[in-house]
């Protein structure tokens, strides 16, 4: 039996001018940036899928540019999550899932459904949304993770709902958004958003050490005891699970360096 799941650390996107000459070699053509990032990192969270659809050929090309084991997390369409009644999002969910993303094959990571900070927890409507998310698309297993950014979601009933539908919740380290560190699926998805452009590794070394231990604990089937849960008395199954962690937004200039350093610590 596997003693630990896989831990993949990555960044948001791969095109960012300040990374040229710092993360990317200064003479590297832009068209080869994804190939380089694929060799240096283990995952990338794609934001462009939130704003518009992509062509099947685009997903196929992304898959061809990265090595075995590398995955792309896709941020789901805003036309699904930016609505008052989530239960009415069925057509938009289908449109997103049928645009060709399964061309990624084994490179398809979790699908991130991100909600606005103003979106409050309405149990019946949110469950109706979760029921719209299929377990498979074109025969490919899907992993769903929701990012909720309103404190009303810090509730045991929300955790139970996610567990019932086998969906994960983003473990967000953010200055303003709530942290929900409960494990509700067979994987964990962290977004580390307290980095600094002034720190060469995005996060200070001691914080990278701390997060490395947390991620390894999650991967081995445990739960770190120093992170805020919404159902503190509940314990997740002690089963090894995959873990994804992304350096996002703040400290973006040095996000790739942070990802590489954190990956070294967990390997």
C-alpha atoms as a PDB file:
ATOM      1  CA  UNK A   1       0.000   0.000   0.000  1.00  0.00           C
ATOM      2  CA  UNK A   2       1.250   3.484  -0.856  1.00  0.00           C
ATOM      3  CA  UNK A   3       2.404   5.303   2.264  1.00  0.00           C
ATOM      4  CA  UNK A   4       1.975   8.771   0.817  1.00  0.00           C
ATOM      5  CA  UNK A   5       0.222  10.486  -2.048  1.00  0.00           C
ATOM      6  CA  UNK A   6       1.984  12.658  -4.604  1.00  0.00           C
ATOM      7  CA  UNK A   7       2.729  16.267  -3.764  1.00  0.00           C
ATOM      8  CA  UNK A   8       2.796  18.694  -6.677  1.00  0.00           C
ATOM      9  CA  UNK A   9       3.806  22.318  -6.176  1.00  0.00           C
ATOM     10  CA  UNK A  10       3.281  24.938  -8.833  1.00  0.00           C
ATOM     11  CA  UNK A  11       2.318  28.447  -9.883  1.00  0.00           C
ATOM     12  CA  UNK A  12      -0.471  30.306 -11.640  1.00  0.00           C
ATOM     13  CA  UNK A  13       0.104  30.457 -15.405  1.00  0.00           C
ATOM     14  CA  UNK A  14       3.497  30.514 -17.064  1.00  0.00           C
ATOM     15  CA  UNK A  15       3.637  33.835 -18.965  1.00  0.00           C
ATOM     16  CA  UNK A  16       4.785  36.738 -16.801  1.00  0.00           C
ATOM     17  CA  UNK A  17       7.393  39.245 -17.939  1.00  0.00           C
ATOM     18  CA  UNK A  18       9.282  39.529 -14.600  1.00  0.00           C
ATOM     19  CA  UNK A  19      10.003  35.777 -14.815  1.00  0.00           C
ATOM     20  CA  UNK A  20      12.049  36.311 -17.974  1.00  0.00           C
ATOM     21  CA  UNK A  21      15.693  36.302 -16.949  1.00  0.00           C
ATOM     22  CA  UNK A  22      14.880  35.300 -13.357  1.00  0.00           C
ATOM     23  CA  UNK A  23      12.968  32.026 -13.658  1.00  0.00           C
ATOM     24  CA  UNK A  24      13.318  31.583 -17.408  1.00  0.00           C
ATOM     25  CA  UNK A  25      16.756  31.861 -19.056  1.00  0.00           C
ATOM     26  CA  UNK A  26      17.017  35.272 -20.693  1.00  0.00           C
ATOM     27  CA  UNK A  27      17.555  33.715 -24.139  1.00  0.00           C
ATOM     28  CA  UNK A  28      14.627  31.284 -23.909  1.00  0.00           C
ATOM     29  CA  UNK A  29      11.988  31.847 -26.643  1.00  0.00           C
ATOM     30  CA  UNK A  30       8.505  32.523 -25.294  1.00  0.00           C
ATOM     31  CA  UNK A  31       7.115  29.540 -27.168  1.00  0.00           C
ATOM     32  CA  UNK A  32       9.319  27.271 -25.038  1.00  0.00           C
ATOM     33  CA  UNK A  33       8.417  28.744 -21.675  1.00  0.00           C
ATOM     34  CA  UNK A  34       5.797  26.097 -20.904  1.00  0.00           C
ATOM     35  CA  UNK A  35       8.266  23.337 -21.731  1.00  0.00           C
ATOM     36  CA  UNK A  36      10.786  24.881 -19.344  1.00  0.00           C
ATOM     37  CA  UNK A  37       8.194  25.359 -16.591  1.00  0.00           C
ATOM     38  CA  UNK A  38       7.089  21.768 -17.058  1.00  0.00           C
ATOM     39  CA  UNK A  39      10.605  20.528 -16.343  1.00  0.00           C
ATOM     40  CA  UNK A  40      11.122  22.773 -13.313  1.00  0.00           C
ATOM     41  CA  UNK A  41       7.703  22.477 -11.626  1.00  0.00           C
ATOM     42  CA  UNK A  42       5.013  19.836 -11.111  1.00  0.00           C
ATOM     43  CA  UNK A  43       1.802  21.783 -11.763  1.00  0.00           C
ATOM     44  CA  UNK A  44       0.327  24.976 -13.181  1.00  0.00           C
ATOM     45  CA  UNK A  45      -3.037  26.535 -12.386  1.00  0.00           C
ATOM     46  CA  UNK A  46      -4.547  28.041 -15.533  1.00  0.00           C
ATOM     47  CA  UNK A  47      -6.590  31.209 -15.130  1.00  0.00           C
ATOM     48  CA  UNK A  48      -7.511  31.908 -18.763  1.00  0.00           C
ATOM     49  CA  UNK A  49     -10.175  29.178 -18.725  1.00  0.00           C
ATOM     50  CA  UNK A  50     -12.070  31.283 -16.179  1.00  0.00           C
ATOM     51  CA  UNK A  51     -12.596  34.051 -18.710  1.00  0.00           C
ATOM     52  CA  UNK A  52     -13.089  32.206 -21.997  1.00  0.00           C
ATOM     53  CA  UNK A  53     -13.229  28.804 -23.653  1.00  0.00           C
ATOM     54  CA  UNK A  54     -10.213  27.184 -25.266  1.00  0.00           C
ATOM     55  CA  UNK A  55      -9.965  24.989 -28.348  1.00  0.00           C
ATOM     56  CA  UNK A  56      -9.345  21.227 -28.041  1.00  0.00           C
ATOM     57  CA  UNK A  57      -6.104  21.712 -29.984  1.00  0.00           C
ATOM     58  CA  UNK A  58      -4.891  24.156 -27.337  1.00  0.00           C
ATOM     59  CA  UNK A  59      -5.361  21.643 -24.534  1.00  0.00           C
ATOM     60  CA  UNK A  60      -3.638  18.983 -26.645  1.00  0.00           C
ATOM     61  CA  UNK A  61      -0.650  21.255 -27.243  1.00  0.00           C
ATOM     62  CA  UNK A  62      -0.335  22.056 -23.534  1.00  0.00           C
ATOM     63  CA  UNK A  63      -0.316  18.336 -22.790  1.00  0.00           C
ATOM     64  CA  UNK A  64       2.356  17.714 -25.421  1.00  0.00           C
ATOM     65  CA  UNK A  65       4.640  20.381 -23.957  1.00  0.00           C
ATOM     66  CA  UNK A  66       4.967  18.905 -20.453  1.00  0.00           C
ATOM     67  CA  UNK A  67       6.479  15.681 -19.105  1.00  0.00           C
ATOM     68  CA  UNK A  68       4.694  12.692 -17.597  1.00  0.00           C
ATOM     69  CA  UNK A  69       3.338  13.419 -14.133  1.00  0.00           C
ATOM     70  CA  UNK A  70       2.839  17.134 -14.708  1.00  0.00           C
ATOM     71  CA  UNK A  71      -0.727  18.421 -14.315  1.00  0.00           C
ATOM     72  CA  UNK A  72      -2.762  21.490 -15.159  1.00  0.00           C
ATOM     73  CA  UNK A  73      -5.422  22.719 -12.779  1.00  0.00           C
ATOM     74  CA  UNK A  74      -8.131  24.584 -14.661  1.00  0.00           C
ATOM     75  CA  UNK A  75     -10.092  27.467 -13.195  1.00  0.00           C
ATOM     76  CA  UNK A  76     -13.689  26.873 -14.247  1.00  0.00           C
ATOM     77  CA  UNK A  77     -15.811  29.369 -16.137  1.00  0.00           C
ATOM     78  CA  UNK A  78     -17.007  32.491 -14.360  1.00  0.00           C
ATOM     79  CA  UNK A  79     -20.363  31.995 -16.093  1.00  0.00           C
ATOM     80  CA  UNK A  80     -20.928  29.085 -13.714  1.00  0.00           C
ATOM     81  CA  UNK A  81     -19.906  30.600 -10.395  1.00  0.00           C
ATOM     82  CA  UNK A  82     -20.774  34.282 -10.839  1.00  0.00           C
ATOM     83  CA  UNK A  83     -24.528  33.895 -10.600  1.00  0.00           C
ATOM     84  CA  UNK A  84     -27.131  34.333  -7.905  1.00  0.00           C
ATOM     85  CA  UNK A  85     -28.781  30.921  -8.316  1.00  0.00           C
ATOM     86  CA  UNK A  86     -26.153  28.221  -8.735  1.00  0.00           C
ATOM     87  CA  UNK A  87     -28.740  25.546  -9.419  1.00  0.00           C
ATOM     88  CA  UNK A  88     -29.342  27.205 -12.798  1.00  0.00           C
ATOM     89  CA  UNK A  89     -25.738  26.746 -13.953  1.00  0.00           C
ATOM     90  CA  UNK A  90     -26.180  23.337 -15.598  1.00  0.00           C
ATOM     91  CA  UNK A  91     -25.832  24.529 -19.181  1.00  0.00           C
ATOM     92  CA  UNK A  92     -22.713  26.559 -18.355  1.00  0.00           C
ATOM     93  CA  UNK A  93     -21.140  23.615 -16.513  1.00  0.00           C
ATOM     94  CA  UNK A  94     -21.709  21.389 -19.529  1.00  0.00           C
ATOM     95  CA  UNK A  95     -20.319  23.997 -21.917  1.00  0.00           C
ATOM     96  CA  UNK A  96     -17.151  24.299 -19.837  1.00  0.00           C
ATOM     97  CA  UNK A  97     -16.591  20.559 -19.504  1.00  0.00           C
ATOM     98  CA  UNK A  98     -17.190  19.838 -23.200  1.00  0.00           C
ATOM     99  CA  UNK A  99     -14.852  22.470 -24.659  1.00  0.00           C
ATOM    100  CA  UNK A 100     -12.088  19.899 -25.112  1.00  0.00           C
ATOM    101  CA  UNK A 101     -10.296  19.896 -21.762  1.00  0.00           C
ATOM    102  CA  UNK A 102     -10.128  16.093 -21.732  1.00  0.00           C
ATOM    103  CA  UNK A 103      -7.480  16.440 -24.460  1.00  0.00           C
ATOM    104  CA  UNK A 104      -5.173  16.954 -21.496  1.00  0.00           C
ATOM    105  CA  UNK A 105      -5.596  13.300 -20.581  1.00  0.00           C
ATOM    106  CA  UNK A 106      -3.454  12.336 -17.590  1.00  0.00           C
ATOM    107  CA  UNK A 107      -2.275  15.933 -17.377  1.00  0.00           C
ATOM    108  CA  UNK A 108      -5.697  17.115 -16.224  1.00  0.00           C
ATOM    109  CA  UNK A 109      -5.563  18.091 -12.577  1.00  0.00           C
ATOM    110  CA  UNK A 110      -8.348  19.396 -10.337  1.00  0.00           C
ATOM    111  CA  UNK A 111     -10.971  21.765 -11.698  1.00  0.00           C
ATOM    112  CA  UNK A 112     -11.200  24.876  -9.537  1.00  0.00           C
ATOM    113  CA  UNK A 113     -14.635  26.460  -9.101  1.00  0.00           C
ATOM    114  CA  UNK A 114     -13.963  29.901  -7.628  1.00  0.00           C
ATOM    115  CA  UNK A 115     -16.677  32.001  -5.979  1.00  0.00           C
ATOM    116  CA  UNK A 116     -16.747  35.721  -5.282  1.00  0.00           C
ATOM    117  CA  UNK A 117     -16.162  36.960  -1.725  1.00  0.00           C
ATOM    118  CA  UNK A 118     -19.751  38.239  -1.715  1.00  0.00           C
ATOM    119  CA  UNK A 119     -21.187  34.762  -2.382  1.00  0.00           C
ATOM    120  CA  UNK A 120     -22.686  33.436   0.848  1.00  0.00           C
ATOM    121  CA  UNK A 121     -23.336  29.837   1.850  1.00  0.00           C
ATOM    122  CA  UNK A 122     -26.872  28.795   0.959  1.00  0.00           C
ATOM    123  CA  UNK A 123     -26.948  25.044   1.673  1.00  0.00           C
ATOM    124  CA  UNK A 124     -29.733  23.962  -0.688  1.00  0.00           C
ATOM    125  CA  UNK A 125     -28.502  25.972  -3.653  1.00  0.00           C
ATOM    126  CA  UNK A 126     -24.881  24.998  -3.121  1.00  0.00           C
ATOM    127  CA  UNK A 127     -25.791  21.327  -2.983  1.00  0.00           C
ATOM    128  CA  UNK A 128     -27.749  21.778  -6.203  1.00  0.00           C
ATOM    129  CA  UNK A 129     -24.543  23.139  -7.745  1.00  0.00           C
ATOM    130  CA  UNK A 130     -22.447  20.224  -6.482  1.00  0.00           C
ATOM    131  CA  UNK A 131     -24.930  17.807  -8.047  1.00  0.00           C
ATOM    132  CA  UNK A 132     -24.161  19.387 -11.427  1.00  0.00           C
ATOM    133  CA  UNK A 133     -20.506  18.326 -11.262  1.00  0.00           C
ATOM    134  CA  UNK A 134     -19.964  14.930 -12.917  1.00  0.00           C
ATOM    135  CA  UNK A 135     -17.474  12.354 -11.710  1.00  0.00           C
ATOM    136  CA  UNK A 136     -16.235  11.745 -15.269  1.00  0.00           C
ATOM    137  CA  UNK A 137     -16.037  13.497 -18.622  1.00  0.00           C
ATOM    138  CA  UNK A 138     -15.368  11.496 -21.793  1.00  0.00           C
ATOM    139  CA  UNK A 139     -14.366   8.597 -19.557  1.00  0.00           C
ATOM    140  CA  UNK A 140     -11.780  10.700 -17.707  1.00  0.00           C
ATOM    141  CA  UNK A 141     -12.097  11.030 -13.926  1.00  0.00           C
ATOM    142  CA  UNK A 142     -12.676  14.577 -12.734  1.00  0.00           C
ATOM    143  CA  UNK A 143     -11.569  16.104  -9.448  1.00  0.00           C
ATOM    144  CA  UNK A 144     -13.524  19.135  -8.276  1.00  0.00           C
ATOM    145  CA  UNK A 145     -12.385  21.754  -5.770  1.00  0.00           C
ATOM    146  CA  UNK A 146     -14.298  24.862  -4.703  1.00  0.00           C
ATOM    147  CA  UNK A 147     -12.784  28.114  -3.532  1.00  0.00           C
ATOM    148  CA  UNK A 148     -15.215  29.955  -1.270  1.00  0.00           C
ATOM    149  CA  UNK A 149     -14.198  33.351   0.058  1.00  0.00           C
ATOM    150  CA  UNK A 150     -17.040  34.349   2.360  1.00  0.00           C
ATOM    151  CA  UNK A 151     -16.896  33.580   6.118  1.00  0.00           C
ATOM    152  CA  UNK A 152     -20.408  32.114   5.995  1.00  0.00           C
ATOM    153  CA  UNK A 153     -18.859  28.935   4.534  1.00  0.00           C
ATOM    154  CA  UNK A 154     -16.926  28.299   7.738  1.00  0.00           C
ATOM    155  CA  UNK A 155     -19.589  25.891   8.917  1.00  0.00           C
ATOM    156  CA  UNK A 156     -19.670  22.157   9.705  1.00  0.00           C
ATOM    157  CA  UNK A 157     -22.682  21.758   7.386  1.00  0.00           C
ATOM    158  CA  UNK A 158     -20.595  23.008   4.467  1.00  0.00           C
ATOM    159  CA  UNK A 159     -17.876  20.484   5.232  1.00  0.00           C
ATOM    160  CA  UNK A 160     -20.424  17.663   5.402  1.00  0.00           C
ATOM    161  CA  UNK A 161     -21.887  18.748   2.069  1.00  0.00           C
ATOM    162  CA  UNK A 162     -18.508  18.655   0.332  1.00  0.00           C
ATOM    163  CA  UNK A 163     -17.676  15.257   1.787  1.00  0.00           C
ATOM    164  CA  UNK A 164     -21.051  13.906   0.622  1.00  0.00           C
ATOM    165  CA  UNK A 165     -20.293  14.965  -2.951  1.00  0.00           C
ATOM    166  CA  UNK A 166     -16.565  14.091  -2.863  1.00  0.00           C
ATOM    167  CA  UNK A 167     -15.478  17.658  -3.579  1.00  0.00           C
ATOM    168  CA  UNK A 168     -12.497  19.398  -1.994  1.00  0.00           C
ATOM    169  CA  UNK A 169     -12.305  22.924  -0.641  1.00  0.00           C
ATOM    170  CA  UNK A 170      -9.371  25.232  -1.283  1.00  0.00           C
ATOM    171  CA  UNK A 171      -7.057  25.526   1.686  1.00  0.00           C
ATOM    172  CA  UNK A 172      -6.422  29.240   1.335  1.00  0.00           C
ATOM    173  CA  UNK A 173      -3.674  31.086   3.135  1.00  0.00           C
ATOM    174  CA  UNK A 174      -4.814  34.629   2.468  1.00  0.00           C
ATOM    175  CA  UNK A 175      -4.817  37.929   4.337  1.00  0.00           C
ATOM    176  CA  UNK A 176      -8.588  38.380   4.038  1.00  0.00           C
ATOM    177  CA  UNK A 177     -10.311  35.183   2.937  1.00  0.00           C
ATOM    178  CA  UNK A 178     -11.250  32.447   5.424  1.00  0.00           C
ATOM    179  CA  UNK A 179      -9.114  29.365   5.891  1.00  0.00           C
ATOM    180  CA  UNK A 180     -10.945  26.041   5.681  1.00  0.00           C
ATOM    181  CA  UNK A 181      -8.418  23.250   6.181  1.00  0.00           C
ATOM    182  CA  UNK A 182     -10.913  20.379   6.381  1.00  0.00           C
ATOM    183  CA  UNK A 183     -10.188  17.361   4.160  1.00  0.00           C
ATOM    184  CA  UNK A 184     -13.349  16.416   2.252  1.00  0.00           C
ATOM    185  CA  UNK A 185     -12.044  14.555  -0.813  1.00  0.00           C
ATOM    186  CA  UNK A 186      -9.239  12.204  -1.844  1.00  0.00           C
ATOM    187  CA  UNK A 187      -6.926  15.144  -2.484  1.00  0.00           C
ATOM    188  CA  UNK A 188      -5.927  18.463  -0.906  1.00  0.00           C
ATOM    189  CA  UNK A 189      -5.630  21.748  -2.804  1.00  0.00           C
ATOM    190  CA  UNK A 190      -3.763  24.665  -1.228  1.00  0.00           C
ATOM    191  CA  UNK A 191      -3.376  28.211  -2.562  1.00  0.00           C
ATOM    192  CA  UNK A 192      -0.549  30.042  -0.799  1.00  0.00           C
ATOM    193  CA  UNK A 193      -1.236  33.757  -1.111  1.00  0.00           C
ATOM    194  CA  UNK A 194       0.932  35.487   1.462  1.00  0.00           C
ATOM    195  CA  UNK A 195       4.133  35.687  -0.539  1.00  0.00           C
ATOM    196  CA  UNK A 196       6.296  38.756  -1.031  1.00  0.00           C
ATOM    197  CA  UNK A 197       8.154  40.194  -4.009  1.00  0.00           C
ATOM    198  CA  UNK A 198      10.850  41.196  -1.536  1.00  0.00           C
ATOM    199  CA  UNK A 199      11.548  37.568  -0.535  1.00  0.00           C
ATOM    200  CA  UNK A 200      13.672  35.664  -3.037  1.00  0.00           C
ATOM    201  CA  UNK A 201      11.777  32.435  -2.389  1.00  0.00           C
ATOM    202  CA  UNK A 202       8.343  34.118  -2.223  1.00  0.00           C
ATOM    203  CA  UNK A 203       7.855  32.752   1.309  1.00  0.00           C
ATOM    204  CA  UNK A 204      10.633  32.936   3.930  1.00  0.00           C
ATOM    205  CA  UNK A 205      12.581  29.664   4.330  1.00  0.00           C
ATOM    206  CA  UNK A 206      11.084  28.933   7.762  1.00  0.00           C
ATOM    207  CA  UNK A 207       7.565  29.220   6.352  1.00  0.00           C
ATOM    208  CA  UNK A 208       8.501  26.967   3.450  1.00  0.00           C
ATOM    209  CA  UNK A 209       9.745  24.418   5.987  1.00  0.00           C
ATOM    210  CA  UNK A 210       6.452  24.670   7.863  1.00  0.00           C
ATOM    211  CA  UNK A 211       4.350  24.240   4.742  1.00  0.00           C
ATOM    212  CA  UNK A 212       6.476  21.317   3.615  1.00  0.00           C
ATOM    213  CA  UNK A 213       5.663  19.468   6.840  1.00  0.00           C
ATOM    214  CA  UNK A 214       1.977  20.302   6.497  1.00  0.00           C
ATOM    215  CA  UNK A 215       1.822  19.055   2.920  1.00  0.00           C
ATOM    216  CA  UNK A 216       3.635  15.843   3.829  1.00  0.00           C
ATOM    217  CA  UNK A 217       1.200  15.281   6.679  1.00  0.00           C
ATOM    218  CA  UNK A 218      -1.751  15.676   4.327  1.00  0.00           C
ATOM    219  CA  UNK A 219      -0.163  13.366   1.739  1.00  0.00           C
ATOM    220  CA  UNK A 220       0.386  10.651   4.328  1.00  0.00           C
ATOM    221  CA  UNK A 221      -3.286  10.733   5.307  1.00  0.00           C
ATOM    222  CA  UNK A 222      -3.072  12.979   8.333  1.00  0.00           C
ATOM    223  CA  UNK A 223      -4.222  16.496   9.138  1.00  0.00           C
ATOM    224  CA  UNK A 224      -1.923  19.250  10.460  1.00  0.00           C
ATOM    225  CA  UNK A 225      -3.069  20.397  13.872  1.00  0.00           C
ATOM    226  CA  UNK A 226      -2.116  24.060  13.359  1.00  0.00           C
ATOM    227  CA  UNK A 227      -4.536  24.950  10.537  1.00  0.00           C
ATOM    228  CA  UNK A 228      -8.055  26.305  10.988  1.00  0.00           C
ATOM    229  CA  UNK A 229     -10.866  23.840  10.283  1.00  0.00           C
ATOM    230  CA  UNK A 230     -14.585  24.546  10.043  1.00  0.00           C
ATOM    231  CA  UNK A 231     -15.511  21.217  11.601  1.00  0.00           C
ATOM    232  CA  UNK A 232     -12.757  20.857  14.209  1.00  0.00           C
ATOM    233  CA  UNK A 233     -14.205  17.737  15.831  1.00  0.00           C
ATOM    234  CA  UNK A 234     -14.332  15.819  12.566  1.00  0.00           C
ATOM    235  CA  UNK A 235     -11.404  13.668  11.448  1.00  0.00           C
ATOM    236  CA  UNK A 236     -10.877  12.707   7.816  1.00  0.00           C
ATOM    237  CA  UNK A 237     -10.103   9.136   6.775  1.00  0.00           C
ATOM    238  CA  UNK A 238      -6.480   8.278   7.458  1.00  0.00           C
ATOM    239  CA  UNK A 239      -5.797   7.473   3.811  1.00  0.00           C
ATOM    240  CA  UNK A 240      -2.867   8.673   1.658  1.00  0.00           C
ATOM    241  CA  UNK A 241      -3.946  11.412  -0.731  1.00  0.00           C
ATOM    242  CA  UNK A 242      -2.532  13.591  -3.495  1.00  0.00           C
ATOM    243  CA  UNK A 243      -1.704  17.181  -2.605  1.00  0.00           C
ATOM    244  CA  UNK A 244      -1.545  20.253  -4.839  1.00  0.00           C
ATOM    245  CA  UNK A 245      -0.087  23.574  -3.693  1.00  0.00           C
ATOM    246  CA  UNK A 246       0.158  26.770  -5.715  1.00  0.00           C
ATOM    247  CA  UNK A 247       1.936  30.060  -5.078  1.00  0.00           C
ATOM    248  CA  UNK A 248      -0.668  32.550  -6.269  1.00  0.00           C
ATOM    249  CA  UNK A 249      -1.101  36.339  -6.527  1.00  0.00           C
ATOM    250  CA  UNK A 250       1.027  37.961  -3.813  1.00  0.00           C
ATOM    251  CA  UNK A 251       4.760  37.529  -4.265  1.00  0.00           C
ATOM    252  CA  UNK A 252       4.177  36.582  -7.897  1.00  0.00           C
ATOM    253  CA  UNK A 253       7.596  37.814  -9.029  1.00  0.00           C
ATOM    254  CA  UNK A 254       9.247  35.054  -6.995  1.00  0.00           C
ATOM    255  CA  UNK A 255       6.452  32.467  -7.111  1.00  0.00           C
ATOM    256  CA  UNK A 256       8.413  30.026  -9.320  1.00  0.00           C
ATOM    257  CA  UNK A 257      11.358  30.157  -6.910  1.00  0.00           C
ATOM    258  CA  UNK A 258       9.030  29.459  -4.007  1.00  0.00           C
ATOM    259  CA  UNK A 259       7.463  26.534  -5.838  1.00  0.00           C
ATOM    260  CA  UNK A 260      10.829  24.994  -6.630  1.00  0.00           C
ATOM    261  CA  UNK A 261      12.061  25.391  -3.080  1.00  0.00           C
ATOM    262  CA  UNK A 262       8.900  23.931  -1.565  1.00  0.00           C
ATOM    263  CA  UNK A 263       8.982  21.007  -4.015  1.00  0.00           C
ATOM    264  CA  UNK A 264      12.553  20.229  -2.944  1.00  0.00           C
ATOM    265  CA  UNK A 265      11.433  20.095   0.656  1.00  0.00           C
ATOM    266  CA  UNK A 266       8.625  17.617   0.029  1.00  0.00           C
ATOM    267  CA  UNK A 267      10.436  15.323  -2.403  1.00  0.00           C
END
